[in-house]
């Protein structure tokens, strides 16, 4: 088993153990943290792919950057995790108890979803960076709630 596979399994089990013993509030915090992380991973993967495609020499590109197939897989996984996280967050909103807040959060999550879809489709990062700002602000506020 190589190092990267072991680290992935460790991270997956670490997240699972956090989720299993968490309250609803802690669960949402975990989802927000993972969402922020995966948005940043997707930005990095898009940037790496763009940089590697600008290098004329394939030999140099292979030395400096991961393979296009690996980068594509990272982008795909991150994108999937982002959309899943956003759907979890949207479905967790309680429109009966917190109508105004729930509506506003739903709109923000939908904005992030739309920006992510557009950015992934067009391989751009502006919408992703905007989404990172939104999610990081929500996460920061969420952590203030006890």
Protein backbone atom coordinates (compact mmCIF):
# COMPACT_ATOMS: atom_id res chain seq x y z
CA UNK A 1 0.00 0.00 0.00
CA UNK A 2 1.55 3.30 -0.99
CA UNK A 3 1.76 6.40 1.18
CA UNK A 4 -1.03 8.31 -0.58
CA UNK A 5 -3.50 5.45 -0.30
CA UNK A 6 -2.70 5.07 3.40
CA UNK A 7 -3.13 8.81 4.00
CA UNK A 8 -6.47 8.80 2.17
CA UNK A 9 -7.72 5.89 4.26
CA UNK A 10 -6.52 7.62 7.41
CA UNK A 11 -8.26 10.86 6.46
CA UNK A 12 -11.47 9.04 5.53
CA UNK A 13 -11.50 7.15 8.82
CA UNK A 14 -10.67 10.34 10.71
CA UNK A 15 -13.66 12.13 9.16
CA UNK A 16 -15.89 9.14 9.81
CA UNK A 17 -14.88 9.03 13.48
CA UNK A 18 -15.56 12.76 13.81
CA UNK A 19 -19.00 12.41 12.25
CA UNK A 20 -20.03 9.35 14.25
CA UNK A 21 -19.66 11.04 17.61
CA UNK A 22 -20.78 14.51 16.61
CA UNK A 23 -23.83 16.57 17.41
CA UNK A 24 -25.87 18.13 14.59
CA UNK A 25 -23.98 21.38 15.10
CA UNK A 26 -20.60 19.64 14.95
CA UNK A 27 -21.70 17.68 11.88
CA UNK A 28 -22.51 20.89 10.00
CA UNK A 29 -19.15 22.32 11.04
CA UNK A 30 -17.39 19.23 9.66
CA UNK A 31 -19.31 19.50 6.39
CA UNK A 32 -18.43 23.21 6.08
CA UNK A 33 -14.75 22.48 6.78
CA UNK A 34 -14.68 19.69 4.20
CA UNK A 35 -16.47 21.91 1.70
CA UNK A 36 -13.94 24.69 2.16
CA UNK A 37 -11.07 22.23 1.85
CA UNK A 38 -12.44 20.65 -1.34
CA UNK A 39 -13.10 24.04 -2.93
CA UNK A 40 -9.44 24.89 -2.34
CA UNK A 41 -8.30 21.52 -3.72
CA UNK A 42 -10.33 22.11 -6.87
CA UNK A 43 -8.82 25.57 -7.32
CA UNK A 44 -5.32 24.14 -6.93
CA UNK A 45 -6.02 21.29 -9.36
CA UNK A 46 -7.33 23.68 -12.01
CA UNK A 47 -4.30 25.93 -11.58
CA UNK A 48 -1.86 23.01 -11.75
CA UNK A 49 -3.48 21.72 -14.91
CA UNK A 50 -3.33 25.15 -16.52
CA UNK A 51 0.34 25.59 -15.57
CA UNK A 52 1.29 22.15 -16.83
CA UNK A 53 -0.45 22.73 -20.15
CA UNK A 54 1.60 25.91 -20.71
CA UNK A 55 4.90 24.06 -20.52
CA UNK A 56 6.03 23.09 -24.00
CA UNK A 57 8.19 20.13 -23.02
CA UNK A 58 6.22 17.05 -21.99
CA UNK A 59 9.28 15.70 -20.23
CA UNK A 60 9.61 18.81 -18.04
CA UNK A 61 5.88 18.88 -17.42
CA UNK A 62 5.94 15.27 -16.15
CA UNK A 63 8.74 16.05 -13.73
CA UNK A 64 7.16 19.18 -12.26
CA UNK A 65 3.44 18.40 -12.33
CA UNK A 66 1.28 15.36 -11.67
CA UNK A 67 -0.13 13.59 -14.69
CA UNK A 68 -3.15 15.07 -16.41
CA UNK A 69 -5.08 11.90 -15.55
CA UNK A 70 -4.25 12.27 -11.85
CA UNK A 71 -5.16 15.96 -11.86
CA UNK A 72 -8.41 15.18 -13.65
CA UNK A 73 -9.25 12.55 -11.04
CA UNK A 74 -8.53 15.01 -8.22
CA UNK A 75 -10.75 17.62 -9.86
CA UNK A 76 -13.55 15.12 -10.36
CA UNK A 77 -13.44 13.86 -6.76
CA UNK A 78 -13.27 17.36 -5.32
CA UNK A 79 -16.14 18.52 -7.50
CA UNK A 80 -18.26 15.58 -6.40
CA UNK A 81 -17.48 16.21 -2.73
CA UNK A 82 -18.29 19.92 -3.11
CA UNK A 83 -21.69 19.25 -4.65
CA UNK A 84 -22.45 16.58 -2.05
CA UNK A 85 -21.48 18.91 0.80
CA UNK A 86 -23.65 21.69 -0.59
CA UNK A 87 -26.61 19.33 -0.93
CA UNK A 88 -26.13 18.15 2.66
CA UNK A 89 -26.04 21.73 3.88
CA UNK A 90 -29.10 22.72 1.84
CA UNK A 91 -31.08 19.72 3.05
CA UNK A 92 -30.16 20.40 6.68
CA UNK A 93 -31.83 23.82 6.73
CA UNK A 94 -34.92 24.18 8.91
CA UNK A 95 -37.24 26.57 7.10
CA UNK A 96 -39.90 26.29 9.81
CA UNK A 97 -37.75 27.38 12.76
CA UNK A 98 -35.41 29.81 11.07
CA UNK A 99 -37.17 30.93 7.93
CA UNK A 100 -35.17 34.09 7.16
CA UNK A 101 -31.79 32.61 8.06
CA UNK A 102 -32.59 29.35 6.28
CA UNK A 103 -33.64 31.19 3.13
CA UNK A 104 -30.47 33.31 3.18
CA UNK A 105 -28.23 30.28 3.75
CA UNK A 106 -30.04 28.36 1.03
CA UNK A 107 -29.42 31.24 -1.37
CA UNK A 108 -25.74 31.35 -0.43
CA UNK A 109 -25.35 27.59 -0.84
CA UNK A 110 -27.15 27.75 -4.18
CA UNK A 111 -24.84 30.58 -5.25
CA UNK A 112 -21.83 28.43 -4.35
CA UNK A 113 -23.32 25.48 -6.21
CA UNK A 114 -23.88 27.57 -9.33
CA UNK A 115 -20.40 29.10 -9.13
CA UNK A 116 -18.86 25.66 -8.69
CA UNK A 117 -20.75 24.22 -11.66
CA UNK A 118 -19.73 27.15 -13.88
CA UNK A 119 -16.12 27.06 -12.72
CA UNK A 120 -15.83 23.31 -13.21
CA UNK A 121 -17.42 23.48 -16.64
CA UNK A 122 -15.20 26.36 -17.78
CA UNK A 123 -12.10 25.37 -15.77
CA UNK A 124 -11.89 28.79 -14.14
CA UNK A 125 -11.29 29.68 -10.52
CA UNK A 126 -13.00 33.04 -9.93
CA UNK A 127 -16.32 31.49 -8.95
CA UNK A 128 -14.56 28.96 -6.75
CA UNK A 129 -12.61 31.68 -4.97
CA UNK A 130 -15.84 33.58 -4.42
CA UNK A 131 -17.43 30.42 -3.00
CA UNK A 132 -14.47 29.87 -0.70
CA UNK A 133 -15.01 33.35 0.73
CA UNK A 134 -18.71 32.68 1.29
CA UNK A 135 -18.17 29.27 2.90
CA UNK A 136 -15.29 30.46 5.06
CA UNK A 137 -17.46 33.34 6.32
CA UNK A 138 -20.31 30.95 7.13
CA UNK A 139 -17.88 28.56 8.82
CA UNK A 140 -16.40 31.35 10.90
CA UNK A 141 -19.86 32.45 12.02
CA UNK A 142 -20.91 28.85 12.66
CA UNK A 143 -17.94 28.33 14.97
CA UNK A 144 -19.09 31.32 17.03
CA UNK A 145 -22.40 29.59 17.80
CA UNK A 146 -22.26 27.47 20.92
